Amino acid sequence: MKRFASYAFIALCAPMAIENMAYGEDLTTYSITLKNHRFVPAEIHVPSGKAFMIVVTNADDTSDEFEMNAPPVEKVIAPGAEGKLRIRPLAPGRFRFFDDFHQEAQGAFIAD
């Protein structure tokens, strides 16, 4: 019976431990605002090889969508709302993001 209790405890705790390993790291957070269907700021310098978080605030009166092709990221953000996204580590280079609903909104992460 003690063995079963030990296995049950491990089975219950394993998902939490894995989640903490995956998301428990202290990530740098950057903020972007969509206003008048433009990203502000339009370019953000990030360290290469390090995951980070972005908070996208939609200051427009229509829904907007933060999207990237590489790495693939996509999130629709309602008017007046904000979306949080974790971006995986990027190699050095320029990584374009855009609003798929309003093509005039363009921006980029520059990984140094």
PDB file of N, CA and C in Angstrom:
ATOM      1  N   MET A   1       0.819  -1.189   0.000  1.00  0.00           N
ATOM      2  CA  MET A   1       0.000   0.000   0.000  1.00  0.00           C
ATOM      3  C   MET A   1       0.868   1.261   0.000  1.00  0.00           C
ATOM      4  N   LYS A   2       1.976   1.218   0.759  1.00  0.00           N
ATOM      5  CA  LYS A   2       2.863   2.371   0.797  1.00  0.00           C
ATOM      6  C   LYS A   2       3.460   2.622  -0.587  1.00  0.00           C
ATOM      7  N   ARG A   3       3.772   1.542  -1.307  1.00  0.00           N
ATOM      8  CA  ARG A   3       4.340   1.679  -2.643  1.00  0.00           C
ATOM      9  C   ARG A   3       3.330   2.366  -3.571  1.00  0.00           C
ATOM     10  N   PHE A   4       2.060   1.967  -3.484  1.00  0.00           N
ATOM     11  CA  PHE A   4       1.016   2.592  -4.304  1.00  0.00           C
ATOM     12  C   PHE A   4       0.903   4.077  -3.981  1.00  0.00           C
ATOM     13  N   ALA A   5       0.940   4.424  -2.703  1.00  0.00           N
ATOM     14  CA  ALA A   5       0.845   5.834  -2.297  1.00  0.00           C
ATOM     15  C   ALA A   5       2.030   6.623  -2.855  1.00  0.00           C
ATOM     16  N   SER A   6       3.210   6.034  -2.851  1.00  0.00           N
ATOM     17  CA  SER A   6       4.399   6.707  -3.392  1.00  0.00           C
ATOM     18  C   SER A   6       4.250   6.929  -4.890  1.00  0.00           C
ATOM     19  N   TYR A   7       3.789   5.920  -5.614  1.00  0.00           N
ATOM     20  CA  TYR A   7       3.597   6.054  -7.056  1.00  0.00           C
ATOM     21  C   TYR A   7       2.523   7.096  -7.378  1.00  0.00           C
ATOM     22  N   ALA A   8       1.453   7.096  -6.585  1.00  0.00           N
ATOM     23  CA  ALA A   8       0.385   8.077  -6.800  1.00  0.00           C
ATOM     24  C   ALA A   8       0.902   9.489  -6.568  1.00  0.00           C
ATOM     25  N   PHE A   9       1.701   9.678  -5.529  1.00  0.00           N
ATOM     26  CA  PHE A   9       2.273  10.998  -5.242  1.00  0.00           C
ATOM     27  C   PHE A   9       3.166  11.459  -6.385  1.00  0.00           C
ATOM     28  N   ILE A  10       4.003  10.561  -6.882  1.00  0.00           N
ATOM     29  CA  ILE A  10       4.887  10.893  -8.001  1.00  0.00           C
ATOM     30  C   ILE A  10       4.067  11.237  -9.235  1.00  0.00           C
ATOM     31  N   ALA A  11       3.029  10.455  -9.506  1.00  0.00           N
ATOM     32  CA  ALA A  11       2.193  10.714 -10.684  1.00  0.00           C
ATOM     33  C   ALA A  11       1.493  12.060 -10.580  1.00  0.00           C
ATOM     34  N   LEU A  12       1.103  12.470  -9.395  1.00  0.00           N
ATOM     35  CA  LEU A  12       0.443  13.753  -9.220  1.00  0.00           C
ATOM     36  C   LEU A  12       1.417  14.922  -9.301  1.00  0.00           C
ATOM     37  N   CYS A  13       2.620  14.743  -8.823  1.00  0.00           N
ATOM     38  CA  CYS A  13       3.597  15.842  -8.768  1.00  0.00           C
ATOM     39  C   CYS A  13       4.404  16.006 -10.047  1.00  0.00           C
ATOM     40  N   ALA A  14       4.552  14.962 -10.824  1.00  0.00           N
ATOM     41  CA  ALA A  14       5.382  15.030 -12.033  1.00  0.00           C
ATOM     42  C   ALA A  14       4.937  16.125 -12.995  1.00  0.00           C
ATOM     43  N   PRO A  15       3.634  16.244 -13.312  1.00  0.00           N
ATOM     44  CA  PRO A  15       3.240  17.322 -14.239  1.00  0.00           C
ATOM     45  C   PRO A  15       3.584  18.715 -13.707  1.00  0.00           C
ATOM     46  N   MET A  16       3.453  18.925 -12.399  1.00  0.00           N
ATOM     47  CA  MET A  16       3.788  20.231 -11.829  1.00  0.00           C
ATOM     48  C   MET A  16       5.279  20.501 -11.942  1.00  0.00           C
ATOM     49  N   ALA A  17       6.104  19.478 -11.703  1.00  0.00           N
ATOM     50  CA  ALA A  17       7.549  19.660 -11.808  1.00  0.00           C
ATOM     51  C   ALA A  17       7.958  19.975 -13.238  1.00  0.00           C
ATOM     52  N   ILE A  18       7.362  19.286 -14.193  1.00  0.00           N
ATOM     53  CA  ILE A  18       7.667  19.542 -15.604  1.00  0.00           C
ATOM     54  C   ILE A  18       7.228  20.941 -15.982  1.00  0.00           C
ATOM     55  N   GLU A  19       6.050  21.361 -15.520  1.00  0.00           N
ATOM     56  CA  GLU A  19       5.567  22.708 -15.835  1.00  0.00           C
ATOM     57  C   GLU A  19       6.504  23.755 -15.244  1.00  0.00           C
ATOM     58  N   ASN A  20       6.959  23.544 -14.017  1.00  0.00           N
ATOM     59  CA  ASN A  20       7.874  24.504 -13.402  1.00  0.00           C
ATOM     60  C   ASN A  20       9.191  24.580 -14.147  1.00  0.00           C
ATOM     61  N   MET A  21       9.667  23.458 -14.648  1.00  0.00           N
ATOM     62  CA  MET A  21      10.910  23.477 -15.417  1.00  0.00           C
ATOM     63  C   MET A  21      10.707  24.237 -16.713  1.00  0.00           C
ATOM     64  N   ALA A  22       9.568  24.073 -17.362  1.00  0.00           N
ATOM     65  CA  ALA A  22       9.319  24.696 -18.654  1.00  0.00           C
ATOM     66  C   ALA A  22       8.995  26.175 -18.536  1.00  0.00           C
ATOM     67  N   TYR A  23       8.289  26.571 -17.485  1.00  0.00           N
ATOM     68  CA  TYR A  23       7.817  27.949 -17.399  1.00  0.00           C
ATOM     69  C   TYR A  23       8.348  28.692 -16.177  1.00  0.00           C
ATOM     70  N   GLY A  24       9.063  28.006 -15.299  1.00  0.00           N
ATOM     71  CA  GLY A  24       9.511  28.618 -14.071  1.00  0.00           C
ATOM     72  C   GLY A  24      10.700  29.545 -14.232  1.00  0.00           C
ATOM     73  N   GLU A  25      11.330  29.512 -15.382  1.00  0.00           N
ATOM     74  CA  GLU A  25      12.471  30.390 -15.578  1.00  0.00           C
ATOM     75  C   GLU A  25      12.028  31.849 -15.565  1.00  0.00           C
ATOM     76  N   ASP A  26      12.911  32.703 -15.116  1.00  0.00           N
ATOM     77  CA  ASP A  26      12.597  34.122 -15.037  1.00  0.00           C
ATOM     78  C   ASP A  26      12.859  34.740 -16.407  1.00  0.00           C
ATOM     79  N   LEU A  27      11.791  35.007 -17.150  1.00  0.00           N
ATOM     80  CA  LEU A  27      11.918  35.509 -18.510  1.00  0.00           C
ATOM     81  C   LEU A  27      11.829  37.026 -18.546  1.00  0.00           C
ATOM     82  N   THR A  28      12.664  37.633 -19.361  1.00  0.00           N
ATOM     83  CA  THR A  28      12.563  39.071 -19.607  1.00  0.00           C
ATOM     84  C   THR A  28      11.271  39.319 -20.365  1.00  0.00           C
ATOM     85  N   THR A  29      10.557  40.373 -19.982  1.00  0.00           N
ATOM     86  CA  THR A  29       9.279  40.691 -20.615  1.00  0.00           C
ATOM     87  C   THR A  29       9.387  42.021 -21.349  1.00  0.00           C
ATOM     88  N   TYR A  30       8.892  42.040 -22.566  1.00  0.00           N
ATOM     89  CA  TYR A  30       8.862  43.249 -23.395  1.00  0.00           C
ATOM     90  C   TYR A  30       7.407  43.587 -23.666  1.00  0.00           C
ATOM     91  N   SER A  31       7.111  44.886 -23.787  1.00  0.00           N
ATOM     92  CA  SER A  31       5.744  45.336 -24.055  1.00  0.00           C
ATOM     93  C   SER A  31       5.650  45.960 -25.433  1.00  0.00           C
ATOM     94  N   ILE A  32       4.559  45.641 -26.120  1.00  0.00           N
ATOM     95  CA  ILE A  32       4.262  46.206 -27.437  1.00  0.00           C
ATOM     96  C   ILE A  32       2.811  46.674 -27.388  1.00  0.00           C
ATOM     97  N   THR A  33       2.543  47.834 -27.967  1.00  0.00           N
ATOM     98  CA  THR A  33       1.171  48.328 -28.059  1.00  0.00           C
ATOM     99  C   THR A  33       0.774  48.430 -29.517  1.00  0.00           C
ATOM    100  N   LEU A  34      -0.421  47.963 -29.830  1.00  0.00           N
ATOM    101  CA  LEU A  34      -1.015  48.159 -31.155  1.00  0.00           C
ATOM    102  C   LEU A  34      -1.930  49.370 -31.056  1.00  0.00           C
ATOM    103  N   LYS A  35      -1.560  50.443 -31.747  1.00  0.00           N
ATOM    104  CA  LYS A  35      -2.358  51.667 -31.729  1.00  0.00           C
ATOM    105  C   LYS A  35      -2.421  52.204 -33.145  1.00  0.00           C
ATOM    106  N   ASN A  36      -3.635  52.523 -33.603  1.00  0.00           N
ATOM    107  CA  ASN A  36      -3.848  52.960 -34.985  1.00  0.00           C
ATOM    108  C   ASN A  36      -3.280  51.936 -35.967  1.00  0.00           C
ATOM    109  N   HIS A  37      -3.415  50.676 -35.598  1.00  0.00           N
ATOM    110  CA  HIS A  37      -2.940  49.543 -36.408  1.00  0.00           C
ATOM    111  C   HIS A  37      -1.455  49.655 -36.720  1.00  0.00           C
ATOM    112  N   ARG A  38      -0.687  50.058 -35.715  1.00  0.00           N
ATOM    113  CA  ARG A  38       0.775  50.132 -35.794  1.00  0.00           C
ATOM    114  C   ARG A  38       1.339  49.572 -34.487  1.00  0.00           C
ATOM    115  N   PHE A  39       2.481  48.888 -34.578  1.00  0.00           N
ATOM    116  CA  PHE A  39       3.157  48.397 -33.386  1.00  0.00           C
ATOM    117  C   PHE A  39       4.051  49.496 -32.829  1.00  0.00           C
ATOM    118  N   VAL A  40       3.970  49.704 -31.523  1.00  0.00           N
ATOM    119  CA  VAL A  40       4.832  50.664 -30.839  1.00  0.00           C
ATOM    120  C   VAL A  40       5.437  49.956 -29.644  1.00  0.00           C
ATOM    121  N   PRO A  41       6.757  49.742 -29.618  1.00  0.00           N
ATOM    122  CA  PRO A  41       7.725  50.058 -30.663  1.00  0.00           C
ATOM    123  C   PRO A  41       7.638  49.043 -31.800  1.00  0.00           C
ATOM    124  N   ALA A  42       8.150  49.438 -32.954  1.00  0.00           N
ATOM    125  CA  ALA A  42       8.121  48.563 -34.132  1.00  0.00           C
ATOM    126  C   ALA A  42       9.310  47.603 -34.145  1.00  0.00           C
ATOM    127  N   GLU A  43      10.364  47.925 -33.424  1.00  0.00           N
ATOM    128  CA  GLU A  43      11.531  47.037 -33.334  1.00  0.00           C
ATOM    129  C   GLU A  43      11.937  46.895 -31.874  1.00  0.00           C
ATOM    130  N   ILE A  44      12.257  45.656 -31.513  1.00  0.00           N
ATOM    131  CA  ILE A  44      12.712  45.365 -30.154  1.00  0.00           C
ATOM    132  C   ILE A  44      13.962  44.513 -30.257  1.00  0.00           C
ATOM    133  N   HIS A  45      15.024  44.953 -29.596  1.00  0.00           N
ATOM    134  CA  HIS A  45      16.261  44.172 -29.541  1.00  0.00           C
ATOM    135  C   HIS A  45      16.173  43.198 -28.369  1.00  0.00           C
ATOM    136  N   VAL A  46      16.426  41.921 -28.663  1.00  0.00           N
ATOM    137  CA  VAL A  46      16.374  40.867 -27.663  1.00  0.00           C
ATOM    138  C   VAL A  46      17.680  40.082 -27.721  1.00  0.00           C
ATOM    139  N   PRO A  47      18.087  39.478 -26.609  1.00  0.00           N
ATOM    140  CA  PRO A  47      19.302  38.651 -26.651  1.00  0.00           C
ATOM    141  C   PRO A  47      19.038  37.346 -27.411  1.00  0.00           C
ATOM    142  N   SER A  48      19.953  36.967 -28.271  1.00  0.00           N
ATOM    143  CA  SER A  48      19.789  35.700 -28.990  1.00  0.00           C
ATOM    144  C   SER A  48      20.003  34.543 -28.019  1.00  0.00           C
ATOM    145  N   GLY A  49      19.371  33.426 -28.320  1.00  0.00           N
ATOM    146  CA  GLY A  49      19.550  32.220 -27.526  1.00  0.00           C
ATOM    147  C   GLY A  49      18.842  32.226 -26.190  1.00  0.00           C
ATOM    148  N   LYS A  50      17.937  33.180 -25.961  1.00  0.00           N
ATOM    149  CA  LYS A  50      17.260  33.275 -24.677  1.00  0.00           C
ATOM    150  C   LYS A  50      15.765  33.512 -24.896  1.00  0.00           C
ATOM    151  N   ALA A  51      14.935  32.660 -24.312  1.00  0.00           N
ATOM    152  CA  ALA A  51      13.477  32.826 -24.423  1.00  0.00           C
ATOM    153  C   ALA A  51      13.060  34.118 -23.731  1.00  0.00           C
ATOM    154  N   PHE A  52      11.922  34.666 -24.138  1.00  0.00           N
ATOM    155  CA  PHE A  52      11.413  35.887 -23.519  1.00  0.00           C
ATOM    156  C   PHE A  52       9.898  35.924 -23.642  1.00  0.00           C
ATOM    157  N   MET A  53       9.299  36.843 -22.910  1.00  0.00           N
ATOM    158  CA  MET A  53       7.852  37.051 -22.952  1.00  0.00           C
ATOM    159  C   MET A  53       7.575  38.391 -23.603  1.00  0.00           C
ATOM    160  N   ILE A  54       6.433  38.459 -24.291  1.00  0.00           N
ATOM    161  CA  ILE A  54       5.964  39.755 -24.773  1.00  0.00           C
ATOM    162  C   ILE A  54       4.525  39.929 -24.310  1.00  0.00           C
ATOM    163  N   VAL A  55       4.199  41.165 -23.976  1.00  0.00           N
ATOM    164  CA  VAL A  55       2.832  41.536 -23.632  1.00  0.00           C
ATOM    165  C   VAL A  55       2.390  42.502 -24.716  1.00  0.00           C
ATOM    166  N   VAL A  56       1.366  42.117 -25.457  1.00  0.00           N
ATOM    167  CA  VAL A  56       0.853  42.938 -26.552  1.00  0.00           C
ATOM    168  C   VAL A  56      -0.475  43.534 -26.101  1.00  0.00           C
ATOM    169  N   THR A  57      -0.531  44.871 -26.047  1.00  0.00           N
ATOM    170  CA  THR A  57      -1.749  45.579 -25.665  1.00  0.00           C
ATOM    171  C   THR A  57      -2.420  46.123 -26.918  1.00  0.00           C
ATOM    172  N   ASN A  58      -3.704  45.840 -27.068  1.00  0.00           N
ATOM    173  CA  ASN A  58      -4.458  46.313 -28.226  1.00  0.00           C
ATOM    174  C   ASN A  58      -5.199  47.595 -27.825  1.00  0.00           C
ATOM    175  N   ALA A  59      -4.680  48.745 -28.256  1.00  0.00           N
ATOM    176  CA  ALA A  59      -5.309  50.036 -27.971  1.00  0.00           C
ATOM    177  C   ALA A  59      -6.262  50.456 -29.087  1.00  0.00           C
ATOM    178  N   ASP A  60      -6.487  49.588 -30.055  1.00  0.00           N
ATOM    179  CA  ASP A  60      -7.414  49.882 -31.153  1.00  0.00           C
ATOM    180  C   ASP A  60      -8.838  49.500 -30.759  1.00  0.00           C
ATOM    181  N   ASP A  61      -9.804  49.932 -31.567  1.00  0.00           N
ATOM    182  CA  ASP A  61     -11.199  49.605 -31.278  1.00  0.00           C
ATOM    183  C   ASP A  61     -11.696  48.392 -32.070  1.00  0.00           C
ATOM    184  N   THR A  62     -10.762  47.679 -32.702  1.00  0.00           N
ATOM    185  CA  THR A  62     -11.076  46.424 -33.390  1.00  0.00           C
ATOM    186  C   THR A  62     -10.082  45.361 -32.943  1.00  0.00           C
ATOM    187  N   SER A  63     -10.415  44.107 -33.175  1.00  0.00           N
ATOM    188  CA  SER A  63      -9.484  43.029 -32.841  1.00  0.00           C
ATOM    189  C   SER A  63      -8.248  43.117 -33.718  1.00  0.00           C
ATOM    190  N   ASP A  64      -7.116  42.766 -33.148  1.00  0.00           N
ATOM    191  CA  ASP A  64      -5.851  42.698 -33.869  1.00  0.00           C
ATOM    192  C   ASP A  64      -5.253  41.320 -33.619  1.00  0.00           C
ATOM    193  N   GLU A  65      -4.284  40.966 -34.455  1.00  0.00           N
ATOM    194  CA  GLU A  65      -3.640  39.666 -34.297  1.00  0.00           C
ATOM    195  C   GLU A  65      -2.135  39.830 -34.360  1.00  0.00           C
ATOM    196  N   PHE A  66      -1.455  39.402 -33.288  1.00  0.00           N
ATOM    197  CA  PHE A  66      -0.002  39.362 -33.297  1.00  0.00           C
ATOM    198  C   PHE A  66       0.387  38.043 -33.935  1.00  0.00           C
ATOM    199  N   GLU A  67       1.219  38.115 -34.971  1.00  0.00           N
ATOM    200  CA  GLU A  67       1.611  36.890 -35.670  1.00  0.00           C
ATOM    201  C   GLU A  67       3.064  36.956 -36.097  1.00  0.00           C
ATOM    202  N   MET A  68       3.717  35.801 -36.041  1.00  0.00           N
ATOM    203  CA  MET A  68       5.075  35.611 -36.557  1.00  0.00           C
ATOM    204  C   MET A  68       5.067  34.311 -37.355  1.00  0.00           C
ATOM    205  N   ASN A  69       5.894  34.270 -38.396  1.00  0.00           N
ATOM    206  CA  ASN A  69       6.033  33.028 -39.161  1.00  0.00           C
ATOM    207  C   ASN A  69       7.159  32.164 -38.636  1.00  0.00           C
ATOM    208  N   ALA A  70       8.240  32.793 -38.195  1.00  0.00           N
ATOM    209  CA  ALA A  70       9.397  32.041 -37.697  1.00  0.00           C
ATOM    210  C   ALA A  70       9.925  32.730 -36.456  1.00  0.00           C
ATOM    211  N   PRO A  71       9.719  32.147 -35.300  1.00  0.00           N
ATOM    212  CA  PRO A  71       8.964  30.929 -35.032  1.00  0.00           C
ATOM    213  C   PRO A  71       7.468  31.183 -35.180  1.00  0.00           C
ATOM    214  N   PRO A  72       6.712  30.135 -35.438  1.00  0.00           N
ATOM    215  CA  PRO A  72       5.277  30.328 -35.635  1.00  0.00           C
ATOM    216  C   PRO A  72       4.578  30.702 -34.320  1.00  0.00           C
ATOM    217  N   VAL A  73       3.999  31.890 -34.304  1.00  0.00           N
ATOM    218  CA  VAL A  73       3.274  32.406 -33.141  1.00  0.00           C
ATOM    219  C   VAL A  73       2.062  33.156 -33.670  1.00  0.00           C
ATOM    220  N   GLU A  74       0.931  33.013 -32.997  1.00  0.00           N
ATOM    221  CA  GLU A  74      -0.280  33.673 -33.465  1.00  0.00           C
ATOM    222  C   GLU A  74      -1.211  33.870 -32.273  1.00  0.00           C
ATOM    223  N   LYS A  75      -1.694  35.117 -32.105  1.00  0.00           N
ATOM    224  CA  LYS A  75      -2.631  35.383 -31.013  1.00  0.00           C
ATOM    225  C   LYS A  75      -3.538  36.544 -31.385  1.00  0.00           C
ATOM    226  N   VAL A  76      -4.847  36.311 -31.334  1.00  0.00           N
ATOM    227  CA  VAL A  76      -5.839  37.360 -31.565  1.00  0.00           C
ATOM    228  C   VAL A  76      -6.052  38.077 -30.239  1.00  0.00           C
ATOM    229  N   ILE A  77      -6.075  39.416 -30.311  1.00  0.00           N
ATOM    230  CA  ILE A  77      -6.226  40.225 -29.105  1.00  0.00           C
ATOM    231  C   ILE A  77      -7.431  41.147 -29.296  1.00  0.00           C
ATOM    232  N   ALA A  78      -8.385  41.044 -28.407  1.00  0.00           N
ATOM    233  CA  ALA A  78      -9.618  41.840 -28.473  1.00  0.00           C
ATOM    234  C   ALA A  78      -9.312  43.317 -28.208  1.00  0.00           C
ATOM    235  N   PRO A  79     -10.189  44.212 -28.646  1.00  0.00           N
ATOM    236  CA  PRO A  79      -9.996  45.635 -28.368  1.00  0.00           C
ATOM    237  C   PRO A  79      -9.886  45.902 -26.868  1.00  0.00           C
ATOM    238  N   GLY A  80      -8.879  46.689 -26.489  1.00  0.00           N
ATOM    239  CA  GLY A  80      -8.674  47.038 -25.089  1.00  0.00           C
ATOM    240  C   GLY A  80      -8.074  45.949 -24.235  1.00  0.00           C
ATOM    241  N   ALA A  81      -7.757  44.810 -24.820  1.00  0.00           N
ATOM    242  CA  ALA A  81      -7.211  43.680 -24.064  1.00  0.00           C
ATOM    243  C   ALA A  81      -5.710  43.563 -24.299  1.00  0.00           C
ATOM    244  N   GLU A  82      -5.097  42.642 -23.576  1.00  0.00           N
ATOM    245  CA  GLU A  82      -3.689  42.355 -23.817  1.00  0.00           C
ATOM    246  C   GLU A  82      -3.484  40.850 -23.908  1.00  0.00           C
ATOM    247  N   GLY A  83      -2.469  40.492 -24.662  1.00  0.00           N
ATOM    248  CA  GLY A  83      -2.111  39.092 -24.821  1.00  0.00           C
ATOM    249  C   GLY A  83      -0.675  38.883 -24.402  1.00  0.00           C
ATOM    250  N   LYS A  84      -0.415  37.762 -23.742  1.00  0.00           N
ATOM    251  CA  LYS A  84       0.940  37.423 -23.311  1.00  0.00           C
ATOM    252  C   LYS A  84       1.391  36.214 -24.101  1.00  0.00           C
ATOM    253  N   LEU A  85       2.614  36.311 -24.631  1.00  0.00           N
ATOM    254  CA  LEU A  85       3.156  35.223 -25.427  1.00  0.00           C
ATOM    255  C   LEU A  85       4.590  34.945 -25.008  1.00  0.00           C
ATOM    256  N   ARG A  86       4.922  33.671 -24.960  1.00  0.00           N
ATOM    257  CA  ARG A  86       6.301  33.250 -24.701  1.00  0.00           C
ATOM    258  C   ARG A  86       6.941  32.978 -26.050  1.00  0.00           C
ATOM    259  N   ILE A  87       8.069  33.605 -26.287  1.00  0.00           N
ATOM    260  CA  ILE A  87       8.796  33.417 -27.546  1.00  0.00           C
ATOM    261  C   ILE A  87      10.028  32.572 -27.247  1.00  0.00           C
ATOM    262  N   ARG A  88      10.178  31.510 -28.003  1.00  0.00           N
ATOM    263  CA  ARG A  88      11.320  30.604 -27.791  1.00  0.00           C
ATOM    264  C   ARG A  88      12.623  31.327 -28.118  1.00  0.00           C
ATOM    265  N   PRO A  89      13.762  30.792 -27.689  1.00  0.00           N
ATOM    266  CA  PRO A  89      15.042  31.435 -28.004  1.00  0.00           C
ATOM    267  C   PRO A  89      15.229  31.594 -29.513  1.00  0.00           C
ATOM    268  N   LEU A  90      15.702  32.771 -29.911  1.00  0.00           N
ATOM    269  CA  LEU A  90      15.916  33.080 -31.322  1.00  0.00           C
ATOM    270  C   LEU A  90      17.409  33.057 -31.637  1.00  0.00           C
ATOM    271  N   ALA A  91      17.746  32.600 -32.825  1.00  0.00           N
ATOM    272  CA  ALA A  91      19.122  32.696 -33.320  1.00  0.00           C
ATOM    273  C   ALA A  91      19.382  34.164 -33.650  1.00  0.00           C
ATOM    274  N   PRO A  92      20.643  34.566 -33.772  1.00  0.00           N
ATOM    275  CA  PRO A  92      20.894  35.949 -34.176  1.00  0.00           C
ATOM    276  C   PRO A  92      20.218  36.256 -35.512  1.00  0.00           C
ATOM    277  N   GLY A  93      19.606  37.426 -35.599  1.00  0.00           N
ATOM    278  CA  GLY A  93      18.946  37.814 -36.844  1.00  0.00           C
ATOM    279  C   GLY A  93      17.722  38.674 -36.601  1.00  0.00           C
ATOM    280  N   ARG A  94      16.961  38.877 -37.653  1.00  0.00           N
ATOM    281  CA  ARG A  94      15.759  39.720 -37.635  1.00  0.00           C
ATOM    282  C   ARG A  94      14.542  38.819 -37.823  1.00  0.00           C
ATOM    283  N   PHE A  95      13.559  38.964 -36.941  1.00  0.00           N
ATOM    284  CA  PHE A  95      12.375  38.119 -36.951  1.00  0.00           C
ATOM    285  C   PHE A  95      11.142  39.017 -37.016  1.00  0.00           C
ATOM    286  N   ARG A  96      10.485  38.991 -38.149  1.00  0.00           N
ATOM    287  CA  ARG A  96       9.362  39.873 -38.435  1.00  0.00           C
ATOM    288  C   ARG A  96       8.104  39.407 -37.709  1.00  0.00           C
ATOM    289  N   PHE A  97       7.341  40.384 -37.182  1.00  0.00           N
ATOM    290  CA  PHE A  97       6.001  40.108 -36.676  1.00  0.00           C
ATOM    291  C   PHE A  97       5.047  41.097 -37.332  1.00  0.00           C
ATOM    292  N   PHE A  98       3.754  40.753 -37.337  1.00  0.00           N
ATOM    293  CA  PHE A  98       2.782  41.581 -38.040  1.00  0.00           C
ATOM    294  C   PHE A  98       1.399  41.335 -37.479  1.00  0.00           C
ATOM    295  N   ASP A  99       0.462  42.193 -37.869  1.00  0.00           N
ATOM    296  CA  ASP A  99      -0.954  42.029 -37.535  1.00  0.00           C
ATOM    297  C   ASP A  99      -1.616  41.467 -38.785  1.00  0.00           C
ATOM    298  N   ASP A 100      -2.027  40.228 -38.724  1.00  0.00           N
ATOM    299  CA  ASP A 100      -2.601  39.579 -39.899  1.00  0.00           C
ATOM    300  C   ASP A 100      -3.920  40.219 -40.322  1.00  0.00           C
ATOM    301  N   PHE A 101      -4.605  40.911 -39.404  1.00  0.00           N
ATOM    302  CA  PHE A 101      -5.862  41.570 -39.744  1.00  0.00           C
ATOM    303  C   PHE A 101      -5.634  42.929 -40.399  1.00  0.00           C
ATOM    304  N   HIS A 102      -4.502  43.555 -40.112  1.00  0.00           N
ATOM    305  CA  HIS A 102      -4.182  44.899 -40.617  1.00  0.00           C
ATOM    306  C   HIS A 102      -2.730  44.879 -41.078  1.00  0.00           C
ATOM    307  N   GLN A 103      -2.506  44.607 -42.342  1.00  0.00           N
ATOM    308  CA  GLN A 103      -1.165  44.361 -42.876  1.00  0.00           C
ATOM    309  C   GLN A 103      -0.212  45.555 -42.738  1.00  0.00           C
ATOM    310  N   GLU A 104      -0.750  46.758 -42.483  1.00  0.00           N
ATOM    311  CA  GLU A 104       0.140  47.907 -42.313  1.00  0.00           C
ATOM    312  C   GLU A 104       0.922  47.827 -40.999  1.00  0.00           C
ATOM    313  N   ALA A 105       0.469  47.016 -40.069  1.00  0.00           N
ATOM    314  CA  ALA A 105       1.159  46.847 -38.786  1.00  0.00           C
ATOM    315  C   ALA A 105       2.277  45.831 -38.955  1.00  0.00           C
ATOM    316  N   GLN A 106       3.504  46.305 -38.927  1.00  0.00           N
ATOM    317  CA  GLN A 106       4.683  45.469 -39.106  1.00  0.00           C
ATOM    318  C   GLN A 106       5.695  45.797 -38.014  1.00  0.00           C
ATOM    319  N   GLY A 107       6.483  44.820 -37.626  1.00  0.00           N
ATOM    320  CA  GLY A 107       7.537  45.042 -36.652  1.00  0.00           C
ATOM    321  C   GLY A 107       8.534  43.905 -36.712  1.00  0.00           C
ATOM    322  N   ALA A 108       9.540  43.958 -35.831  1.00  0.00           N
ATOM    323  CA  ALA A 108      10.559  42.909 -35.838  1.00  0.00           C
ATOM    324  C   ALA A 108      11.266  42.830 -34.487  1.00  0.00           C
ATOM    325  N   PHE A 109      11.647  41.621 -34.144  1.00  0.00           N
ATOM    326  CA  PHE A 109      12.591  41.389 -33.065  1.00  0.00           C
ATOM    327  C   PHE A 109      13.956  41.288 -33.708  1.00  0.00           C
ATOM    328  N   ILE A 110      14.934  41.977 -33.154  1.00  0.00           N
ATOM    329  CA  ILE A 110      16.308  41.866 -33.623  1.00  0.00           C
ATOM    330  C   ILE A 110      17.074  41.142 -32.520  1.00  0.00           C
ATOM    331  N   ALA A 111      17.465  39.916 -32.797  1.00  0.00           N
ATOM    332  CA  ALA A 111      18.186  39.110 -31.821  1.00  0.00           C
ATOM    333  C   ALA A 111      19.683  39.304 -32.031  1.00  0.00           C
ATOM    334  N   ASP A 112      20.342  39.816 -30.997  1.00  0.00           N
ATOM    335  CA  ASP A 112      21.796  40.080 -31.048  1.00  0.00           C
ATOM    336  C   ASP A 112      22.555  39.004 -30.300  1.00  0.00           C
TER     337      ASP A 112
END
